[in-house]
PDB file of N, CA and C in Angstrom:
ATOM      1  N   MET A   1      -6.792  -1.784 -16.252  1.00  0.00           N
ATOM      2  CA  MET A   1      -5.596  -1.827 -15.358  1.00  0.00           C
ATOM      3  C   MET A   1      -4.383  -2.241 -16.185  1.00  0.00           C
ATOM      4  N   ASN A   2      -3.383  -1.657 -15.963  1.00  0.00           N
ATOM      5  CA  ASN A   2      -1.987  -2.060 -16.556  1.00  0.00           C
ATOM      6  C   ASN A   2      -0.996  -2.172 -15.639  1.00  0.00           C
ATOM      7  N   HIS A   3       0.178  -2.657 -16.156  1.00  0.00           N
ATOM      8  CA  HIS A   3       1.317  -2.973 -15.261  1.00  0.00           C
ATOM      9  C   HIS A   3       1.879  -1.654 -14.641  1.00  0.00           C
ATOM     10  N   HIS A   4       1.642  -0.468 -15.243  1.00  0.00           N
ATOM     11  CA  HIS A   4       2.046   0.804 -14.682  1.00  0.00           C
ATOM     12  C   HIS A   4       1.469   1.059 -13.304  1.00  0.00           C
ATOM     13  N   THR A   5       0.284   0.577 -13.119  1.00  0.00           N
ATOM     14  CA  THR A   5      -0.328   0.680 -11.735  1.00  0.00           C
ATOM     15  C   THR A   5       0.581   0.061 -10.720  1.00  0.00           C
ATOM     16  N   PHE A   6       0.922  -1.191 -10.889  1.00  0.00           N
ATOM     17  CA  PHE A   6       1.748  -1.851  -9.986  1.00  0.00           C
ATOM     18  C   PHE A   6       3.068  -1.169  -9.730  1.00  0.00           C
ATOM     19  N   THR A   7       3.719  -0.872 -10.960  1.00  0.00           N
ATOM     20  CA  THR A   7       4.998  -0.237 -10.889  1.00  0.00           C
ATOM     21  C   THR A   7       5.002   0.990 -10.081  1.00  0.00           C
ATOM     22  N   ALA A   8       3.969   1.846 -10.281  1.00  0.00           N
ATOM     23  CA  ALA A   8       3.795   3.112  -9.537  1.00  0.00           C
ATOM     24  C   ALA A   8       3.659   2.872  -8.077  1.00  0.00           C
ATOM     25  N   LEU A   9       2.796   1.922  -7.714  1.00  0.00           N
ATOM     26  CA  LEU A   9       2.519   1.761  -6.430  1.00  0.00           C
ATOM     27  C   LEU A   9       3.625   0.902  -5.665  1.00  0.00           C
ATOM     28  N   ALA A  10       4.543   0.271  -6.297  1.00  0.00           N
ATOM     29  CA  ALA A  10       5.554  -0.535  -5.766  1.00  0.00           C
ATOM     30  C   ALA A  10       6.591   0.403  -4.967  1.00  0.00           C
ATOM     31  N   ASP A  11       6.726   1.567  -5.286  1.00  0.00           N
ATOM     32  CA  ASP A  11       7.538   2.489  -4.576  1.00  0.00           C
ATOM     33  C   ASP A  11       6.901   3.021  -3.249  1.00  0.00           C
ATOM     34  N   PRO A  12       7.694   2.831  -2.144  1.00  0.00           N
ATOM     35  CA  PRO A  12       7.109   3.163  -0.898  1.00  0.00           C
ATOM     36  C   PRO A  12       6.689   4.627  -0.875  1.00  0.00           C
ATOM     37  N   HIS A  13       7.434   5.469  -1.384  1.00  0.00           N
ATOM     38  CA  HIS A  13       6.980   7.010  -1.326  1.00  0.00           C
ATOM     39  C   HIS A  13       5.662   7.188  -2.197  1.00  0.00           C
ATOM     40  N   ARG A  14       5.663   6.499  -3.347  1.00  0.00           N
ATOM     41  CA  ARG A  14       4.387   6.706  -4.098  1.00  0.00           C
ATOM     42  C   ARG A  14       3.177   6.142  -3.402  1.00  0.00           C
ATOM     43  N   PHE A  15       3.489   4.960  -2.816  1.00  0.00           N
ATOM     44  CA  PHE A  15       2.286   4.420  -2.070  1.00  0.00           C
ATOM     45  C   PHE A  15       1.919   5.173  -0.923  1.00  0.00           C
ATOM     46  N   GLN A  16       2.867   5.928  -0.251  1.00  0.00           N
ATOM     47  CA  GLN A  16       2.490   6.844   0.815  1.00  0.00           C
ATOM     48  C   GLN A  16       1.728   8.122   0.275  1.00  0.00           C
ATOM     49  N   ILE A  17       2.173   8.501  -0.880  1.00  0.00           N
ATOM     50  CA  ILE A  17       1.326   9.782  -1.481  1.00  0.00           C
ATOM     51  C   ILE A  17      -0.023   9.250  -1.687  1.00  0.00           C
ATOM     52  N   VAL A  18      -0.255   8.078  -2.278  1.00  0.00           N
ATOM     53  CA  VAL A  18      -1.599   7.618  -2.632  1.00  0.00           C
ATOM     54  C   VAL A  18      -2.463   7.481  -1.252  1.00  0.00           C
ATOM     55  N   GLU A  19      -1.803   6.886  -0.359  1.00  0.00           N
ATOM     56  CA  GLU A  19      -2.462   6.776   1.055  1.00  0.00           C
ATOM     57  C   GLU A  19      -2.793   8.139   1.560  1.00  0.00           C
ATOM     58  N   LEU A  20      -1.939   9.157   1.462  1.00  0.00           N
ATOM     59  CA  LEU A  20      -2.176  10.524   1.908  1.00  0.00           C
ATOM     60  C   LEU A  20      -3.351  11.041   1.114  1.00  0.00           C
ATOM     61  N   LEU A  21      -3.415  10.814  -0.122  1.00  0.00           N
ATOM     62  CA  LEU A  21      -4.484  11.405  -0.938  1.00  0.00           C
ATOM     63  C   LEU A  21      -5.856  10.788  -0.751  1.00  0.00           C
ATOM     64  N   ARG A  22      -5.907   9.586  -0.115  1.00  0.00           N
ATOM     65  CA  ARG A  22      -7.112   9.010   0.369  1.00  0.00           C
ATOM     66  C   ARG A  22      -7.993   9.967   1.232  1.00  0.00           C
ATOM     67  N   GLU A  23      -7.099  10.669   2.145  1.00  0.00           N
ATOM     68  CA  GLU A  23      -7.771  11.530   3.087  1.00  0.00           C
ATOM     69  C   GLU A  23      -8.513  12.727   2.336  1.00  0.00           C
ATOM     70  N   ARG A  24      -7.784  13.378   1.496  1.00  0.00           N
ATOM     71  CA  ARG A  24      -8.325  14.538   0.638  1.00  0.00           C
ATOM     72  C   ARG A  24      -7.253  14.923  -0.308  1.00  0.00           C
ATOM     73  N   PRO A  25      -7.568  15.789  -1.294  1.00  0.00           N
ATOM     74  CA  PRO A  25      -6.559  16.203  -2.172  1.00  0.00           C
ATOM     75  C   PRO A  25      -5.465  17.207  -1.478  1.00  0.00           C
ATOM     76  N   HIS A  26      -4.272  17.087  -1.886  1.00  0.00           N
ATOM     77  CA  HIS A  26      -3.094  17.863  -1.167  1.00  0.00           C
ATOM     78  C   HIS A  26      -2.382  18.522  -2.306  1.00  0.00           C
ATOM     79  N   SER A  27      -1.809  19.737  -1.917  1.00  0.00           N
ATOM     80  CA  SER A  27      -0.895  20.352  -2.781  1.00  0.00           C
ATOM     81  C   SER A  27       0.528  19.636  -2.779  1.00  0.00           C
ATOM     82  N   VAL A  28       1.258  19.985  -3.825  1.00  0.00           N
ATOM     83  CA  VAL A  28       2.586  19.335  -3.875  1.00  0.00           C
ATOM     84  C   VAL A  28       3.420  19.651  -2.647  1.00  0.00           C
ATOM     85  N   GLY A  29       3.227  20.949  -2.186  1.00  0.00           N
ATOM     86  CA  GLY A  29       4.064  21.303  -0.959  1.00  0.00           C
ATOM     87  C   GLY A  29       3.572  20.602   0.185  1.00  0.00           C
ATOM     88  N   GLU A  30       2.343  20.451   0.453  1.00  0.00           N
ATOM     89  CA  GLU A  30       1.804  19.610   1.500  1.00  0.00           C
ATOM     90  C   GLU A  30       2.284  18.261   1.528  1.00  0.00           C
ATOM     91  N   ILE A  31       2.231  17.557   0.356  1.00  0.00           N
ATOM     92  CA  ILE A  31       2.751  16.217   0.235  1.00  0.00           C
ATOM     93  C   ILE A  31       4.161  16.103   0.585  1.00  0.00           C
ATOM     94  N   ALA A  32       4.970  17.060   0.147  1.00  0.00           N
ATOM     95  CA  ALA A  32       6.357  17.089   0.515  1.00  0.00           C
ATOM     96  C   ALA A  32       6.582  17.117   1.910  1.00  0.00           C
ATOM     97  N   ASP A  33       5.902  18.121   2.579  1.00  0.00           N
ATOM     98  CA  ASP A  33       6.069  18.351   4.027  1.00  0.00           C
ATOM     99  C   ASP A  33       5.577  17.171   4.798  1.00  0.00           C
ATOM    100  N   ARG A  34       4.385  16.595   4.568  1.00  0.00           N
ATOM    101  CA  ARG A  34       3.963  15.452   5.312  1.00  0.00           C
ATOM    102  C   ARG A  34       4.799  14.231   5.099  1.00  0.00           C
ATOM    103  N   LEU A  35       5.429  14.103   3.919  1.00  0.00           N
ATOM    104  CA  LEU A  35       6.260  12.743   3.792  1.00  0.00           C
ATOM    105  C   LEU A  35       7.795  13.103   4.136  1.00  0.00           C
ATOM    106  N   GLY A  36       8.173  14.405   4.316  1.00  0.00           N
ATOM    107  CA  GLY A  36       9.556  14.663   4.534  1.00  0.00           C
ATOM    108  C   GLY A  36      10.383  14.525   3.328  1.00  0.00           C
ATOM    109  N   LEU A  37       9.738  14.838   2.160  1.00  0.00           N
ATOM    110  CA  LEU A  37      10.520  14.806   0.954  1.00  0.00           C
ATOM    111  C   LEU A  37      10.913  16.192   0.429  1.00  0.00           C
ATOM    112  N   ARG A  38      11.811  16.336  -0.390  1.00  0.00           N
ATOM    113  CA  ARG A  38      12.140  17.585  -1.013  1.00  0.00           C
ATOM    114  C   ARG A  38      11.188  17.685  -2.150  1.00  0.00           C
ATOM    115  N   GLN A  39      10.936  19.099  -2.545  1.00  0.00           N
ATOM    116  CA  GLN A  39       9.978  19.261  -3.550  1.00  0.00           C
ATOM    117  C   GLN A  39      10.264  18.517  -4.923  1.00  0.00           C
ATOM    118  N   PRO A  40      11.572  18.593  -5.374  1.00  0.00           N
ATOM    119  CA  PRO A  40      11.812  17.856  -6.586  1.00  0.00           C
ATOM    120  C   PRO A  40      11.563  16.422  -6.608  1.00  0.00           C
ATOM    121  N   GLN A  41      11.879  15.718  -5.492  1.00  0.00           N
ATOM    122  CA  GLN A  41      11.482  14.356  -5.275  1.00  0.00           C
ATOM    123  C   GLN A  41      10.025  14.054  -5.384  1.00  0.00           C
ATOM    124  N   THR A  42       9.263  14.957  -4.681  1.00  0.00           N
ATOM    125  CA  THR A  42       7.836  14.823  -4.595  1.00  0.00           C
ATOM    126  C   THR A  42       7.217  14.941  -6.087  1.00  0.00           C
ATOM    127  N   SER A  43       7.795  16.015  -6.859  1.00  0.00           N
ATOM    128  CA  SER A  43       7.245  16.210  -8.143  1.00  0.00           C
ATOM    129  C   SER A  43       7.538  15.055  -9.023  1.00  0.00           C
ATOM    130  N   LYS A  44       8.813  14.351  -8.953  1.00  0.00           N
ATOM    131  CA  LYS A  44       9.106  13.217  -9.744  1.00  0.00           C
ATOM    132  C   LYS A  44       8.012  12.081  -9.358  1.00  0.00           C
ATOM    133  N   HIS A  45       7.892  11.794  -8.138  1.00  0.00           N
ATOM    134  CA  HIS A  45       6.918  10.712  -7.766  1.00  0.00           C
ATOM    135  C   HIS A  45       5.536  11.040  -8.318  1.00  0.00           C
ATOM    136  N   LEU A  46       5.155  12.289  -8.236  1.00  0.00           N
ATOM    137  CA  LEU A  46       3.797  12.694  -8.702  1.00  0.00           C
ATOM    138  C   LEU A  46       3.761  12.521 -10.288  1.00  0.00           C
ATOM    139  N   ARG A  47       4.797  12.764 -10.925  1.00  0.00           N
ATOM    140  CA  ARG A  47       4.785  12.626 -12.448  1.00  0.00           C
ATOM    141  C   ARG A  47       4.536  11.095 -12.771  1.00  0.00           C
ATOM    142  N   VAL A  48       5.200  10.273 -11.990  1.00  0.00           N
ATOM    143  CA  VAL A  48       5.092   8.701 -12.110  1.00  0.00           C
ATOM    144  C   VAL A  48       3.514   8.424 -11.880  1.00  0.00           C
ATOM    145  N   LEU A  49       2.936   8.951 -10.819  1.00  0.00           N
ATOM    146  CA  LEU A  49       1.578   8.572 -10.525  1.00  0.00           C
ATOM    147  C   LEU A  49       0.647   9.098 -11.526  1.00  0.00           C
ATOM    148  N   VAL A  50       0.876  10.222 -12.104  1.00  0.00           N
ATOM    149  CA  VAL A  50       0.205  10.821 -13.127  1.00  0.00           C
ATOM    150  C   VAL A  50       0.227  10.043 -14.424  1.00  0.00           C
ATOM    151  N   GLY A  51       1.419   9.614 -14.796  1.00  0.00           N
ATOM    152  CA  GLY A  51       1.742   8.805 -15.895  1.00  0.00           C
ATOM    153  C   GLY A  51       1.037   7.459 -15.853  1.00  0.00           C
ATOM    154  N   ALA A  52       0.872   6.869 -14.626  1.00  0.00           N
ATOM    155  CA  ALA A  52       0.099   5.623 -14.533  1.00  0.00           C
ATOM    156  C   ALA A  52      -1.348   5.743 -14.396  1.00  0.00           C
ATOM    157  N   GLY A  53      -1.785   7.159 -14.484  1.00  0.00           N
ATOM    158  CA  GLY A  53      -3.306   7.313 -14.439  1.00  0.00           C
ATOM    159  C   GLY A  53      -3.805   7.208 -13.043  1.00  0.00           C
ATOM    160  N   LEU A  54      -3.074   7.277 -12.072  1.00  0.00           N
ATOM    161  CA  LEU A  54      -3.512   7.071 -10.656  1.00  0.00           C
ATOM    162  C   LEU A  54      -4.025   8.331 -10.046  1.00  0.00           C
ATOM    163  N   ILE A  55      -3.401   9.492 -10.489  1.00  0.00           N
ATOM    164  CA  ILE A  55      -3.817  10.767  -9.922  1.00  0.00           C
ATOM    165  C   ILE A  55      -3.892  11.810 -11.055  1.00  0.00           C
ATOM    166  N   ASP A  56      -4.443  12.979 -10.703  1.00  0.00           N
ATOM    167  CA  ASP A  56      -4.538  14.099 -11.553  1.00  0.00           C
ATOM    168  C   ASP A  56      -3.879  15.285 -10.736  1.00  0.00           C
ATOM    169  N   LEU A  57      -3.257  16.185 -11.436  1.00  0.00           N
ATOM    170  CA  LEU A  57      -2.763  17.421 -10.829  1.00  0.00           C
ATOM    171  C   LEU A  57      -3.397  18.503 -11.490  1.00  0.00           C
ATOM    172  N   HIS A  58      -3.986  19.464 -10.586  1.00  0.00           N
ATOM    173  CA  HIS A  58      -4.836  20.590 -11.028  1.00  0.00           C
ATOM    174  C   HIS A  58      -4.170  21.963 -10.485  1.00  0.00           C
ATOM    175  N   PRO A  59      -4.061  22.856 -11.353  1.00  0.00           N
ATOM    176  CA  PRO A  59      -3.444  24.107 -10.782  1.00  0.00           C
ATOM    177  C   PRO A  59      -4.556  24.857 -10.022  1.00  0.00           C
ATOM    178  N   GLN A  60      -4.125  25.413  -8.953  1.00  0.00           N
ATOM    179  CA  GLN A  60      -5.124  26.109  -8.044  1.00  0.00           C
ATOM    180  C   GLN A  60      -4.358  27.323  -7.474  1.00  0.00           C
ATOM    181  N   ALA A  61      -4.674  28.519  -7.995  1.00  0.00           N
ATOM    182  CA  ALA A  61      -3.909  29.678  -7.591  1.00  0.00           C
ATOM    183  C   ALA A  61      -2.336  29.472  -7.946  1.00  0.00           C
ATOM    184  N   ASN A  62      -1.519  29.536  -7.017  1.00  0.00           N
ATOM    185  CA  ASN A  62      -0.114  29.260  -7.333  1.00  0.00           C
ATOM    186  C   ASN A  62       0.363  27.978  -6.922  1.00  0.00           C
ATOM    187  N   ARG A  63      -0.477  27.060  -6.709  1.00  0.00           N
ATOM    188  CA  ARG A  63      -0.250  25.551  -6.233  1.00  0.00           C
ATOM    189  C   ARG A  63      -0.688  24.664  -7.343  1.00  0.00           C
ATOM    190  N   ARG A  64      -0.110  23.472  -7.213  1.00  0.00           N
ATOM    191  CA  ARG A  64      -0.688  22.310  -7.923  1.00  0.00           C
ATOM    192  C   ARG A  64      -1.291  21.323  -6.891  1.00  0.00           C
ATOM    193  N   VAL A  65      -2.458  20.904  -7.159  1.00  0.00           N
ATOM    194  CA  VAL A  65      -3.062  19.992  -6.090  1.00  0.00           C
ATOM    195  C   VAL A  65      -3.283  18.638  -6.767  1.00  0.00           C
ATOM    196  N   ALA A  66      -2.956  17.585  -6.036  1.00  0.00           N
ATOM    197  CA  ALA A  66      -3.095  16.234  -6.474  1.00  0.00           C
ATOM    198  C   ALA A  66      -4.449  15.705  -6.026  1.00  0.00           C
ATOM    199  N   HIS A  67      -5.076  14.958  -6.830  1.00  0.00           N
ATOM    200  CA  HIS A  67      -6.317  14.189  -6.602  1.00  0.00           C
ATOM    201  C   HIS A  67      -6.255  12.840  -7.117  1.00  0.00           C
ATOM    202  N   LEU A  68      -6.685  11.907  -6.330  1.00  0.00           N
ATOM    203  CA  LEU A  68      -6.795  10.491  -6.762  1.00  0.00           C
ATOM    204  C   LEU A  68      -7.897  10.369  -7.898  1.00  0.00           C
ATOM    205  N   ARG A  69      -7.609   9.536  -8.809  1.00  0.00           N
ATOM    206  CA  ARG A  69      -8.479   9.245  -9.829  1.00  0.00           C
ATOM    207  C   ARG A  69      -9.180   7.839  -9.552  1.00  0.00           C
ATOM    208  N   PRO A  70     -10.460   7.698  -9.174  1.00  0.00           N
ATOM    209  CA  PRO A  70     -11.074   6.493  -8.818  1.00  0.00           C
ATOM    210  C   PRO A  70     -11.110   5.348  -9.776  1.00  0.00           C
ATOM    211  N   THR A  71     -11.146   5.579 -11.040  1.00  0.00           N
ATOM    212  CA  THR A  71     -11.267   4.508 -11.955  1.00  0.00           C
ATOM    213  C   THR A  71     -10.132   3.469 -11.938  1.00  0.00           C
ATOM    214  N   PRO A  72      -8.816   3.935 -11.868  1.00  0.00           N
ATOM    215  CA  PRO A  72      -7.849   2.842 -11.662  1.00  0.00           C
ATOM    216  C   PRO A  72      -7.906   1.973 -10.543  1.00  0.00           C
ATOM    217  N   PHE A  73      -8.341   2.543  -9.505  1.00  0.00           N
ATOM    218  CA  PHE A  73      -8.492   1.698  -8.224  1.00  0.00           C
ATOM    219  C   PHE A  73      -9.675   0.811  -8.229  1.00  0.00           C
ATOM    220  N   ARG A  74     -10.764   1.224  -8.956  1.00  0.00           N
ATOM    221  CA  ARG A  74     -11.854   0.280  -9.210  1.00  0.00           C
ATOM    222  C   ARG A  74     -11.400  -0.858 -10.053  1.00  0.00           C
ATOM    223  N   ASP A  75     -10.542  -0.598 -11.105  1.00  0.00           N
ATOM    224  CA  ASP A  75     -10.044  -1.571 -11.934  1.00  0.00           C
ATOM    225  C   ASP A  75      -9.139  -2.553 -11.202  1.00  0.00           C
ATOM    226  N   LEU A  76      -8.352  -1.961 -10.310  1.00  0.00           N
ATOM    227  CA  LEU A  76      -7.450  -2.890  -9.529  1.00  0.00           C
ATOM    228  C   LEU A  76      -8.293  -3.744  -8.601  1.00  0.00           C
ATOM    229  N   ASP A  77      -9.294  -3.181  -8.034  1.00  0.00           N
ATOM    230  CA  ASP A  77     -10.134  -3.996  -7.186  1.00  0.00           C
ATOM    231  C   ASP A  77     -10.852  -5.110  -7.951  1.00  0.00           C
ATOM    232  N   ASP A  78     -11.305  -4.794  -9.129  1.00  0.00           N
ATOM    233  CA  ASP A  78     -12.029  -5.712  -9.940  1.00  0.00           C
ATOM    234  C   ASP A  78     -10.962  -6.931 -10.288  1.00  0.00           C
ATOM    235  N   TRP A  79      -9.709  -6.522 -10.591  1.00  0.00           N
ATOM    236  CA  TRP A  79      -8.750  -7.537 -11.036  1.00  0.00           C
ATOM    237  C   TRP A  79      -8.436  -8.415  -9.787  1.00  0.00           C
ATOM    238  N   LEU A  80      -8.202  -7.745  -8.547  1.00  0.00           N
ATOM    239  CA  LEU A  80      -7.969  -8.483  -7.406  1.00  0.00           C
ATOM    240  C   LEU A  80      -9.152  -9.466  -7.002  1.00  0.00           C
ATOM    241  N   THR A  81     -10.397  -9.077  -7.260  1.00  0.00           N
ATOM    242  CA  THR A  81     -11.630  -9.797  -6.868  1.00  0.00           C
ATOM    243  C   THR A  81     -11.585 -11.164  -7.709  1.00  0.00           C
ATOM    244  N   ARG A  82     -11.022 -11.091  -8.783  1.00  0.00           N
ATOM    245  CA  ARG A  82     -10.940 -12.390  -9.569  1.00  0.00           C
ATOM    246  C   ARG A  82     -10.085 -13.416  -8.906  1.00  0.00           C
ATOM    247  N   TYR A  83      -9.047 -13.014  -8.181  1.00  0.00           N
ATOM    248  CA  TYR A  83      -8.068 -13.845  -7.511  1.00  0.00           C
ATOM    249  C   TYR A  83      -8.546 -14.251  -6.040  1.00  0.00           C
ATOM    250  N   ARG A  84      -9.472 -13.426  -5.522  1.00  0.00           N
ATOM    251  CA  ARG A  84      -9.833 -13.634  -4.159  1.00  0.00           C
ATOM    252  C   ARG A  84     -10.262 -15.130  -3.874  1.00  0.00           C
ATOM    253  N   PRO A  85     -11.209 -15.721  -4.718  1.00  0.00           N
ATOM    254  CA  PRO A  85     -11.488 -17.124  -4.415  1.00  0.00           C
ATOM    255  C   PRO A  85     -10.222 -18.052  -4.367  1.00  0.00           C
ATOM    256  N   LEU A  86      -9.342 -17.836  -5.260  1.00  0.00           N
ATOM    257  CA  LEU A  86      -8.117 -18.737  -5.254  1.00  0.00           C
ATOM    258  C   LEU A  86      -7.448 -18.591  -3.835  1.00  0.00           C
ATOM    259  N   TRP A  87      -7.166 -17.427  -3.425  1.00  0.00           N
ATOM    260  CA  TRP A  87      -6.402 -17.224  -2.265  1.00  0.00           C
ATOM    261  C   TRP A  87      -7.211 -17.727  -0.984  1.00  0.00           C
ATOM    262  N   GLU A  88      -8.478 -17.419  -1.033  1.00  0.00           N
ATOM    263  CA  GLU A  88      -9.284 -17.891   0.125  1.00  0.00           C
ATOM    264  C   GLU A  88      -9.243 -19.404   0.189  1.00  0.00           C
ATOM    265  N   GLU A  89      -9.358 -20.149  -0.955  1.00  0.00           N
ATOM    266  CA  GLU A  89      -9.265 -21.635  -0.986  1.00  0.00           C
ATOM    267  C   GLU A  89      -7.890 -22.035  -0.403  1.00  0.00           C
ATOM    268  N   ARG A  90      -6.852 -21.413  -0.800  1.00  0.00           N
ATOM    269  CA  ARG A  90      -5.515 -21.845  -0.300  1.00  0.00           C
ATOM    270  C   ARG A  90      -5.351 -21.504   1.118  1.00  0.00           C
ATOM    271  N   LEU A  91      -5.802 -20.375   1.544  1.00  0.00           N
ATOM    272  CA  LEU A  91      -5.819 -20.074   2.986  1.00  0.00           C
ATOM    273  C   LEU A  91      -6.621 -21.011   3.845  1.00  0.00           C
ATOM    274  N   ASP A  92      -7.802 -21.452   3.332  1.00  0.00           N
ATOM    275  CA  ASP A  92      -8.553 -22.377   4.033  1.00  0.00           C
ATOM    276  C   ASP A  92      -7.870 -23.713   4.163  1.00  0.00           C
ATOM    277  N   ARG A  93      -7.091 -24.181   3.058  1.00  0.00           N
ATOM    278  CA  ARG A  93      -6.474 -25.389   3.112  1.00  0.00           C
ATOM    279  C   ARG A  93      -5.289 -25.282   4.081  1.00  0.00           C
ATOM    280  N   LEU A  94      -4.583 -24.192   4.124  1.00  0.00           N
ATOM    281  CA  LEU A  94      -3.554 -23.960   5.101  1.00  0.00           C
ATOM    282  C   LEU A  94      -4.066 -24.074   6.435  1.00  0.00           C
ATOM    283  N   ASP A  95      -5.239 -23.393   6.737  1.00  0.00           N
ATOM    284  CA  ASP A  95      -5.914 -23.488   8.045  1.00  0.00           C
ATOM    285  C   ASP A  95      -6.239 -24.843   8.406  1.00  0.00           C
ATOM    286  N   ASP A  96      -6.774 -25.737   7.442  1.00  0.00           N
ATOM    287  CA  ASP A  96      -7.108 -27.108   7.756  1.00  0.00           C
ATOM    288  C   ASP A  96      -5.871 -27.896   8.140  1.00  0.00           C
ATOM    289  N   TYR A  97      -4.811 -27.639   7.409  1.00  0.00           N
ATOM    290  CA  TYR A  97      -3.460 -28.325   7.631  1.00  0.00           C
ATOM    291  C   TYR A  97      -3.073 -27.908   9.113  1.00  0.00           C
ATOM    292  N   LEU A  98      -2.966 -26.608   9.315  1.00  0.00           N
ATOM    293  CA  LEU A  98      -2.492 -26.160  10.624  1.00  0.00           C
ATOM    294  C   LEU A  98      -3.256 -26.778  11.971  1.00  0.00           C
ATOM    295  N   ARG A  99      -4.428 -27.039  11.618  1.00  0.00           N
ATOM    296  CA  ARG A  99      -5.301 -27.630  12.623  1.00  0.00           C
ATOM    297  C   ARG A  99      -4.967 -29.116  12.997  1.00  0.00           C
ATOM    298  N   THR A 100      -4.238 -29.765  11.926  1.00  0.00           N
ATOM    299  CA  THR A 100      -3.939 -31.156  12.102  1.00  0.00           C
ATOM    300  C   THR A 100      -2.601 -31.321  12.861  1.00  0.00           C
ATOM    301  N   LEU A 101      -1.753 -30.211  13.016  1.00  0.00           N
ATOM    302  CA  LEU A 101      -0.577 -30.325  13.741  1.00  0.00           C
ATOM    303  C   LEU A 101      -0.759 -30.354  15.282  1.00  0.00           C
ATOM    304  N   PRO A 102       0.043 -31.091  15.830  1.00  0.00           N
ATOM    305  CA  PRO A 102      -0.069 -31.105  17.412  1.00  0.00           C
ATOM    306  C   PRO A 102       0.424 -29.707  17.941  1.00  0.00           C
ATOM    307  N   PRO A 103      -0.200 -29.437  19.067  1.00  0.00           N
ATOM    308  CA  PRO A 103       0.123 -28.103  19.734  1.00  0.00           C
ATOM    309  C   PRO A 103       1.607 -28.083  20.130  1.00  0.00           C
ATOM    310  N   GLU A 104       2.307 -26.909  19.990  1.00  0.00           N
ATOM    311  CA  GLU A 104       3.593 -26.764  20.450  1.00  0.00           C
ATOM    312  C   GLU A 104       3.779 -26.832  21.886  1.00  0.00           C
ATOM    313  N   GLU A 105       4.865 -27.322  22.351  1.00  0.00           N
ATOM    314  CA  GLU A 105       5.272 -27.254  23.673  1.00  0.00           C
ATOM    315  C   GLU A 105       5.792 -25.902  23.982  1.00  0.00           C
ATOM    316  N   PRO A 106       5.306 -25.313  25.147  1.00  0.00           N
ATOM    317  CA  PRO A 106       5.840 -23.999  25.495  1.00  0.00           C
ATOM    318  C   PRO A 106       7.357 -24.037  25.681  1.00  0.00           C
ATOM    319  N   THR A 107       8.022 -22.967  25.247  1.00  0.00           N
ATOM    320  CA  THR A 107       9.434 -22.767  25.528  1.00  0.00           C
ATOM    321  C   THR A 107       9.710 -22.278  26.930  1.00  0.00           C
ATOM    322  N   PRO A 108      10.583 -22.896  27.705  1.00  0.00           N
ATOM    323  CA  PRO A 108      10.768 -22.406  29.103  1.00  0.00           C
ATOM    324  C   PRO A 108      11.401 -20.996  29.019  1.00  0.00           C
ATOM    325  N   ASP A 109      11.021 -20.214  29.939  1.00  0.00           N
ATOM    326  CA  ASP A 109      11.652 -18.862  30.017  1.00  0.00           C
ATOM    327  C   ASP A 109      12.787 -19.020  30.946  1.00  0.00           C
ATOM    328  N   PRO A 110      13.947 -18.695  30.403  1.00  0.00           N
ATOM    329  CA  PRO A 110      15.259 -18.816  31.214  1.00  0.00           C
ATOM    330  C   PRO A 110      15.323 -17.916  32.338  1.00  0.00           C
ATOM    331  N   THR A 111      14.496 -16.776  32.247  1.00  0.00           N
ATOM    332  CA  THR A 111      14.620 -15.867  33.456  1.00  0.00           C
ATOM    333  C   THR A 111      13.782 -16.219  34.633  1.00  0.00           C
ATOM    334  N   GLU A 112      12.877 -17.283  34.491  1.00  0.00           N
ATOM    335  CA  GLU A 112      12.035 -17.721  35.526  1.00  0.00           C
ATOM    336  C   GLU A 112      12.635 -18.887  36.216  1.00  0.00           C
ATOM    337  N   PRO A 113      12.361 -19.088  37.582  1.00  0.00           N
ATOM    338  CA  PRO A 113      12.850 -20.307  38.261  1.00  0.00           C
ATOM    339  C   PRO A 113      12.403 -21.453  37.560  1.00  0.00           C
ATOM    340  N   GLY A 114      13.343 -22.402  37.387  1.00  0.00           N
ATOM    341  CA  GLY A 114      13.129 -23.673  36.772  1.00  0.00           C
ATOM    342  C   GLY A 114      13.335 -23.647  35.251  1.00  0.00           C
ATOM    343  N   GLY A 115      13.502 -22.472  34.773  1.00  0.00           N
ATOM    344  CA  GLY A 115      13.871 -22.216  33.238  1.00  0.00           C
ATOM    345  C   GLY A 115      15.223 -22.621  33.026  1.00  0.00           C
ATOM    346  N   SER A 116      15.500 -23.032  31.785  1.00  0.00           N
ATOM    347  CA  SER A 116      16.867 -23.526  31.602  1.00  0.00           C
ATOM    348  C   SER A 116      17.740 -22.306  31.271  1.00  0.00           C
ATOM    349  N   PRO A 117      19.065 -22.267  31.581  1.00  0.00           N
ATOM    350  CA  PRO A 117      19.995 -21.095  31.405  1.00  0.00           C
ATOM    351  C   PRO A 117      20.131 -20.760  29.943  1.00  0.00           C
TER     352      PRO A 117
END
């Protein structure tokens, strides 16, 4: 895994493309239509995803079809797995701390009788 993976996925449109490709491979035109992008914008985003190694584009008749490449996502999952115990420990400590706090008093609803204006 490399930093290009994170850079590519950081853009909301590219992230949406990856999410769309989880369903099945899509042509460039289908991706553009589904995401409401123009063809040149879509092609630009796809070039970045190809460059990061996240997808492949294959010609099919007169279309180019985008497919996810599984290896980079397995690598990303492996990398995240190494950090999971750290975050679980921190979240457990936060949960323990939150349990020590006194319960909050409910805020009166000003629209109900007896509520403050």
